[in-house]
């Protein structure tokens, strides 16, 4: 007989703690990732850079007639 009808297997009670720890680690990792890359994510999501459009907030160098006189 190649297969048995019953496996007689069990899950230890500590598996719940392990799964909770893994879930909390995934949430903490996602929070750190978002915090570190928040500006890039905002540019992609809100400024349309995902589709290859140029961002309108990029600063262009001023020409000589746009520079304010000092004094």
PDB file of N, CA and C in Angstrom:
ATOM      1  N   UNK A   1       0.855  -1.173   0.000  1.00  0.00           N
ATOM      2  CA  UNK A   1       0.000   0.000   0.000  1.00  0.00           C
ATOM      3  C   UNK A   1       0.904   1.240   0.000  1.00  0.00           C
ATOM      4  N   UNK A   2       0.789   2.102  -1.012  1.00  0.00           N
ATOM      5  CA  UNK A   2       1.666   3.258  -1.169  1.00  0.00           C
ATOM      6  C   UNK A   2       1.232   4.427  -0.297  1.00  0.00           C
ATOM      7  N   UNK A   3      -0.056   4.602  -0.094  1.00  0.00           N
ATOM      8  CA  UNK A   3      -0.561   5.743   0.681  1.00  0.00           C
ATOM      9  C   UNK A   3      -1.349   5.242   1.879  1.00  0.00           C
ATOM     10  N   UNK A   4      -1.200   5.968   2.973  1.00  0.00           N
ATOM     11  CA  UNK A   4      -1.969   5.628   4.167  1.00  0.00           C
ATOM     12  C   UNK A   4      -3.222   6.474   4.207  1.00  0.00           C
ATOM     13  N   UNK A   5      -4.234   6.025   4.880  1.00  0.00           N
ATOM     14  CA  UNK A   5      -5.490   6.762   4.997  1.00  0.00           C
ATOM     15  C   UNK A   5      -5.345   7.947   5.941  1.00  0.00           C
ATOM     16  N   UNK A   6      -4.602   7.780   7.001  1.00  0.00           N
ATOM     17  CA  UNK A   6      -4.442   8.852   7.985  1.00  0.00           C
ATOM     18  C   UNK A   6      -2.958   9.159   8.148  1.00  0.00           C
ATOM     19  N   UNK A   7      -2.638  10.436   8.274  1.00  0.00           N
ATOM     20  CA  UNK A   7      -1.243  10.826   8.374  1.00  0.00           C
ATOM     21  C   UNK A   7      -0.767  10.898   9.813  1.00  0.00           C
ATOM     22  N   UNK A   8      -1.647  11.028  10.768  1.00  0.00           N
ATOM     23  CA  UNK A   8      -1.315  11.173  12.179  1.00  0.00           C
ATOM     24  C   UNK A   8      -0.348  12.338  12.394  1.00  0.00           C
ATOM     25  N   UNK A   9      -0.602  13.463  11.731  1.00  0.00           N
ATOM     26  CA  UNK A   9       0.237  14.649  11.852  1.00  0.00           C
ATOM     27  C   UNK A   9      -0.487  15.680  12.701  1.00  0.00           C
ATOM     28  N   UNK A  10       0.261  16.611  13.235  1.00  0.00           N
ATOM     29  CA  UNK A  10      -0.336  17.666  14.054  1.00  0.00           C
ATOM     30  C   UNK A  10       0.470  18.939  13.873  1.00  0.00           C
ATOM     31  N   UNK A  11      -0.137  20.051  14.197  1.00  0.00           N
ATOM     32  CA  UNK A  11       0.541  21.339  14.234  1.00  0.00           C
ATOM     33  C   UNK A  11       0.779  21.696  15.694  1.00  0.00           C
ATOM     34  N   UNK A  12       1.992  22.039  15.992  1.00  0.00           N
ATOM     35  CA  UNK A  12       2.352  22.421  17.354  1.00  0.00           C
ATOM     36  C   UNK A  12       1.675  23.744  17.704  1.00  0.00           C
ATOM     37  N   UNK A  13       1.430  23.985  18.976  1.00  0.00           N
ATOM     38  CA  UNK A  13       0.779  25.220  19.408  1.00  0.00           C
ATOM     39  C   UNK A  13       1.631  26.456  19.111  1.00  0.00           C
ATOM     40  N   UNK A  14       2.924  26.304  19.025  1.00  0.00           N
ATOM     41  CA  UNK A  14       3.792  27.452  18.786  1.00  0.00           C
ATOM     42  C   UNK A  14       3.724  27.957  17.346  1.00  0.00           C
ATOM     43  N   UNK A  15       3.051  27.239  16.450  1.00  0.00           N
ATOM     44  CA  UNK A  15       2.944  27.683  15.071  1.00  0.00           C
ATOM     45  C   UNK A  15       2.169  29.004  14.981  1.00  0.00           C
ATOM     46  N   UNK A  16       1.243  29.220  15.878  1.00  0.00           N
ATOM     47  CA  UNK A  16       0.492  30.478  15.895  1.00  0.00           C
ATOM     48  C   UNK A  16       1.393  31.662  16.215  1.00  0.00           C
ATOM     49  N   UNK A  17       2.271  31.498  17.177  1.00  0.00           N
ATOM     50  CA  UNK A  17       3.221  32.549  17.514  1.00  0.00           C
ATOM     51  C   UNK A  17       4.199  32.815  16.386  1.00  0.00           C
ATOM     52  N   UNK A  18       4.620  31.760  15.712  1.00  0.00           N
ATOM     53  CA  UNK A  18       5.525  31.904  14.581  1.00  0.00           C
ATOM     54  C   UNK A  18       4.846  32.662  13.444  1.00  0.00           C
ATOM     55  N   UNK A  19       3.613  32.316  13.141  1.00  0.00           N
ATOM     56  CA  UNK A  19       2.886  33.001  12.072  1.00  0.00           C
ATOM     57  C   UNK A  19       2.628  34.470  12.427  1.00  0.00           C
ATOM     58  N   UNK A  20       2.310  34.741  13.671  1.00  0.00           N
ATOM     59  CA  UNK A  20       2.111  36.120  14.108  1.00  0.00           C
ATOM     60  C   UNK A  20       3.412  36.912  13.999  1.00  0.00           C
ATOM     61  N   UNK A  21       4.514  36.321  14.394  1.00  0.00           N
ATOM     62  CA  UNK A  21       5.816  36.978  14.290  1.00  0.00           C
ATOM     63  C   UNK A  21       6.173  37.253  12.830  1.00  0.00           C
ATOM     64  N   UNK A  22       5.904  36.314  11.949  1.00  0.00           N
ATOM     65  CA  UNK A  22       6.178  36.511  10.523  1.00  0.00           C
ATOM     66  C   UNK A  22       5.307  37.613   9.948  1.00  0.00           C
ATOM     67  N   UNK A  23       4.049  37.677  10.348  1.00  0.00           N
ATOM     68  CA  UNK A  23       3.144  38.727   9.879  1.00  0.00           C
ATOM     69  C   UNK A  23       3.600  40.098  10.354  1.00  0.00           C
ATOM     70  N   UNK A  24       3.974  40.202  11.623  1.00  0.00           N
ATOM     71  CA  UNK A  24       4.453  41.481  12.154  1.00  0.00           C
ATOM     72  C   UNK A  24       5.762  41.907  11.497  1.00  0.00           C
ATOM     73  N   UNK A  25       6.632  40.967  11.204  1.00  0.00           N
ATOM     74  CA  UNK A  25       7.884  41.293  10.517  1.00  0.00           C
ATOM     75  C   UNK A  25       7.610  41.790   9.104  1.00  0.00           C
ATOM     76  N   UNK A  26       6.644  41.201   8.415  1.00  0.00           N
ATOM     77  CA  UNK A  26       6.301  41.645   7.065  1.00  0.00           C
ATOM     78  C   UNK A  26       5.715  43.058   7.093  1.00  0.00           C
ATOM     79  N   UNK A  27       4.870  43.349   8.066  1.00  0.00           N
ATOM     80  CA  UNK A  27       4.283  44.689   8.189  1.00  0.00           C
ATOM     81  C   UNK A  27       5.368  45.708   8.520  1.00  0.00           C
ATOM     82  N   UNK A  28       6.266  45.371   9.430  1.00  0.00           N
ATOM     83  CA  UNK A  28       7.355  46.292   9.779  1.00  0.00           C
ATOM     84  C   UNK A  28       8.282  46.510   8.592  1.00  0.00           C
ATOM     85  N   UNK A  29       8.584  45.483   7.847  1.00  0.00           N
ATOM     86  CA  UNK A  29       9.428  45.617   6.667  1.00  0.00           C
ATOM     87  C   UNK A  29       8.781  46.491   5.607  1.00  0.00           C
ATOM     88  N   UNK A  30       7.484  46.327   5.390  1.00  0.00           N
ATOM     89  CA  UNK A  30       6.772  47.161   4.424  1.00  0.00           C
ATOM     90  C   UNK A  30       6.758  48.618   4.875  1.00  0.00           C
ATOM     91  N   UNK A  31       6.599  48.860   6.172  1.00  0.00           N
ATOM     92  CA  UNK A  31       6.591  50.227   6.691  1.00  0.00           C
ATOM     93  C   UNK A  31       7.947  50.900   6.496  1.00  0.00           C
ATOM     94  N   UNK A  32       9.018  50.184   6.728  1.00  0.00           N
ATOM     95  CA  UNK A  32      10.361  50.740   6.530  1.00  0.00           C
ATOM     96  C   UNK A  32      10.610  51.002   5.051  1.00  0.00           C
ATOM     97  N   UNK A  33      10.185  50.104   4.196  1.00  0.00           N
ATOM     98  CA  UNK A  33      10.354  50.296   2.751  1.00  0.00           C
ATOM     99  C   UNK A  33       9.614  51.546   2.285  1.00  0.00           C
ATOM    100  N   UNK A  34       8.375  51.697   2.705  1.00  0.00           N
ATOM    101  CA  UNK A  34       7.585  52.870   2.306  1.00  0.00           C
ATOM    102  C   UNK A  34       8.203  54.140   2.860  1.00  0.00           C
ATOM    103  N   UNK A  35       8.674  54.114   4.093  1.00  0.00           N
ATOM    104  CA  UNK A  35       9.296  55.306   4.674  1.00  0.00           C
ATOM    105  C   UNK A  35      10.553  55.705   3.911  1.00  0.00           C
ATOM    106  N   UNK A  36      11.349  54.747   3.525  1.00  0.00           N
ATOM    107  CA  UNK A  36      12.595  55.044   2.824  1.00  0.00           C
ATOM    108  C   UNK A  36      12.375  55.520   1.396  1.00  0.00           C
ATOM    109  N   UNK A  37      11.352  55.050   0.743  1.00  0.00           N
ATOM    110  CA  UNK A  37      11.132  55.364  -0.655  1.00  0.00           C
ATOM    111  C   UNK A  37       9.862  56.188  -0.885  1.00  0.00           C
ATOM    112  N   UNK A  38       9.389  56.913   0.124  1.00  0.00           N
ATOM    113  CA  UNK A  38       8.133  57.638   0.037  1.00  0.00           C
ATOM    114  C   UNK A  38       8.152  58.684  -1.081  1.00  0.00           C
ATOM    115  N   UNK A  39       9.216  59.451  -1.222  1.00  0.00           N
ATOM    116  CA  UNK A  39       9.272  60.489  -2.253  1.00  0.00           C
ATOM    117  C   UNK A  39       9.213  59.866  -3.648  1.00  0.00           C
ATOM    118  N   UNK A  40       9.916  58.787  -3.856  1.00  0.00           N
ATOM    119  CA  UNK A  40       9.865  58.114  -5.159  1.00  0.00           C
ATOM    120  C   UNK A  40       8.473  57.564  -5.428  1.00  0.00           C
ATOM    121  N   UNK A  41       7.866  56.966  -4.412  1.00  0.00           N
ATOM    122  CA  UNK A  41       6.529  56.425  -4.590  1.00  0.00           C
ATOM    123  C   UNK A  41       5.524  57.526  -4.898  1.00  0.00           C
ATOM    124  N   UNK A  42       5.650  58.676  -4.233  1.00  0.00           N
ATOM    125  CA  UNK A  42       4.746  59.798  -4.518  1.00  0.00           C
ATOM    126  C   UNK A  42       4.926  60.266  -5.954  1.00  0.00           C
ATOM    127  N   UNK A  43       6.159  60.352  -6.407  1.00  0.00           N
ATOM    128  CA  UNK A  43       6.415  60.789  -7.778  1.00  0.00           C
ATOM    129  C   UNK A  43       5.813  59.812  -8.779  1.00  0.00           C
ATOM    130  N   UNK A  44       5.923  58.540  -8.511  1.00  0.00           N
ATOM    131  CA  UNK A  44       5.383  57.535  -9.421  1.00  0.00           C
ATOM    132  C   UNK A  44       3.860  57.582  -9.424  1.00  0.00           C
ATOM    133  N   UNK A  45       3.262  57.650  -8.249  1.00  0.00           N
ATOM    134  CA  UNK A  45       1.810  57.554  -8.136  1.00  0.00           C
ATOM    135  C   UNK A  45       1.126  58.862  -8.530  1.00  0.00           C
ATOM    136  N   UNK A  46       1.579  59.986  -7.979  1.00  0.00           N
ATOM    137  CA  UNK A  46       0.840  61.230  -8.116  1.00  0.00           C
ATOM    138  C   UNK A  46       1.279  62.090  -9.289  1.00  0.00           C
ATOM    139  N   UNK A  47       2.486  61.919  -9.787  1.00  0.00           N
ATOM    140  CA  UNK A  47       2.957  62.769 -10.865  1.00  0.00           C
ATOM    141  C   UNK A  47       2.978  62.046 -12.204  1.00  0.00           C
ATOM    142  N   UNK A  48       2.564  60.817 -12.250  1.00  0.00           N
ATOM    143  CA  UNK A  48       2.447  60.091 -13.494  1.00  0.00           C
ATOM    144  C   UNK A  48       3.758  59.612 -14.081  1.00  0.00           C
ATOM    145  N   UNK A  49       4.803  59.519 -13.310  1.00  0.00           N
ATOM    146  CA  UNK A  49       6.086  59.050 -13.841  1.00  0.00           C
ATOM    147  C   UNK A  49       6.035  57.578 -14.209  1.00  0.00           C
ATOM    148  N   UNK A  50       5.059  56.872 -13.723  1.00  0.00           N
ATOM    149  CA  UNK A  50       4.933  55.460 -14.035  1.00  0.00           C
ATOM    150  C   UNK A  50       4.729  55.265 -15.535  1.00  0.00           C
ATOM    151  N   UNK A  51       4.062  56.208 -16.173  1.00  0.00           N
ATOM    152  CA  UNK A  51       3.780  56.108 -17.598  1.00  0.00           C
ATOM    153  C   UNK A  51       4.822  56.814 -18.448  1.00  0.00           C
ATOM    154  N   UNK A  52       5.875  57.308 -17.839  1.00  0.00           N
ATOM    155  CA  UNK A  52       6.944  57.940 -18.585  1.00  0.00           C
ATOM    156  C   UNK A  52       6.727  59.414 -18.851  1.00  0.00           C
ATOM    157  N   UNK A  53       5.718  60.010 -18.247  1.00  0.00           N
ATOM    158  CA  UNK A  53       5.489  61.438 -18.425  1.00  0.00           C
ATOM    159  C   UNK A  53       6.518  62.215 -17.617  1.00  0.00           C
ATOM    160  N   UNK A  54       7.021  63.333 -18.130  1.00  0.00           N
ATOM    161  CA  UNK A  54       7.962  64.123 -17.330  1.00  0.00           C
ATOM    162  C   UNK A  54       7.239  64.788 -16.164  1.00  0.00           C
ATOM    163  N   UNK A  55       7.907  64.862 -15.048  1.00  0.00           N
ATOM    164  CA  UNK A  55       7.323  65.485 -13.867  1.00  0.00           C
ATOM    165  C   UNK A  55       7.333  66.993 -14.040  1.00  0.00           C
ATOM    166  N   UNK A  56       6.222  67.621 -13.712  1.00  0.00           N
ATOM    167  CA  UNK A  56       6.119  69.067 -13.864  1.00  0.00           C
ATOM    168  C   UNK A  56       6.835  69.816 -12.754  1.00  0.00           C
ATOM    169  N   UNK A  57       7.155  69.120 -11.673  1.00  0.00           N
ATOM    170  CA  UNK A  57       7.783  69.789 -10.538  1.00  0.00           C
ATOM    171  C   UNK A  57       9.304  69.853 -10.652  1.00  0.00           C
ATOM    172  N   UNK A  58       9.872  69.291 -11.716  1.00  0.00           N
ATOM    173  CA  UNK A  58      11.322  69.335 -11.861  1.00  0.00           C
ATOM    174  C   UNK A  58      11.746  70.770 -12.146  1.00  0.00           C
ATOM    175  N   UNK A  59      12.796  71.215 -11.485  1.00  0.00           N
ATOM    176  CA  UNK A  59      13.260  72.586 -11.634  1.00  0.00           C
ATOM    177  C   UNK A  59      14.083  72.722 -12.900  1.00  0.00           C
ATOM    178  N   UNK A  60      13.757  73.725 -13.685  1.00  0.00           N
ATOM    179  CA  UNK A  60      14.506  74.027 -14.899  1.00  0.00           C
ATOM    180  C   UNK A  60      15.505  75.130 -14.570  1.00  0.00           C
ATOM    181  N   UNK A  61      16.683  75.117 -15.171  1.00  0.00           N
ATOM    182  CA  UNK A  61      17.641  76.196 -14.906  1.00  0.00           C
ATOM    183  C   UNK A  61      17.105  77.525 -15.443  1.00  0.00           C
ATOM    184  N   UNK A  62      17.383  78.591 -14.702  1.00  0.00           N
ATOM    185  CA  UNK A  62      16.914  79.913 -15.088  1.00  0.00           C
ATOM    186  C   UNK A  62      17.790  80.487 -16.190  1.00  0.00           C
ATOM    187  N   UNK A  63      17.150  81.148 -17.138  1.00  0.00           N
ATOM    188  CA  UNK A  63      17.915  81.825 -18.175  1.00  0.00           C
ATOM    189  C   UNK A  63      18.342  83.186 -17.636  1.00  0.00           C
ATOM    190  N   UNK A  64      19.169  83.886 -18.386  1.00  0.00           N
ATOM    191  CA  UNK A  64      19.723  85.156 -17.901  1.00  0.00           C
ATOM    192  C   UNK A  64      18.663  86.235 -17.716  1.00  0.00           C
ATOM    193  N   UNK A  65      17.576  86.194 -18.483  1.00  0.00           N
ATOM    194  CA  UNK A  65      16.546  87.211 -18.307  1.00  0.00           C
ATOM    195  C   UNK A  65      15.591  86.889 -17.160  1.00  0.00           C
ATOM    196  N   UNK A  66      15.645  85.673 -16.585  1.00  0.00           N
ATOM    197  CA  UNK A  66      14.786  85.298 -15.468  1.00  0.00           C
ATOM    198  C   UNK A  66      15.458  85.508 -14.122  1.00  0.00           C
ATOM    199  N   UNK A  67      16.733  85.765 -14.103  1.00  0.00           N
ATOM    200  CA  UNK A  67      17.451  85.924 -12.856  1.00  0.00           C
ATOM    201  C   UNK A  67      17.128  87.291 -12.275  1.00  0.00           C
ATOM    202  N   UNK A  68      16.795  87.302 -10.978  1.00  0.00           N
ATOM    203  CA  UNK A  68      16.466  88.563 -10.316  1.00  0.00           C
ATOM    204  C   UNK A  68      17.739  89.347 -10.031  1.00  0.00           C
ATOM    205  N   UNK A  69      17.710  90.639 -10.260  1.00  0.00           N
ATOM    206  CA  UNK A  69      18.903  91.455  -9.986  1.00  0.00           C
ATOM    207  C   UNK A  69      19.165  91.528  -8.493  1.00  0.00           C
ATOM    208  N   UNK A  70      20.417  91.544  -8.126  1.00  0.00           N
ATOM    209  CA  UNK A  70      20.811  91.628  -6.706  1.00  0.00           C
ATOM    210  C   UNK A  70      20.907  93.103  -6.322  1.00  0.00           C
ATOM    211  N   UNK A  71      20.502  93.401  -5.131  1.00  0.00           N
ATOM    212  CA  UNK A  71      20.718  94.748  -4.639  1.00  0.00           C
ATOM    213  C   UNK A  71      19.514  95.439  -4.275  1.00  0.00           C
TER     214      UNK A  71
END
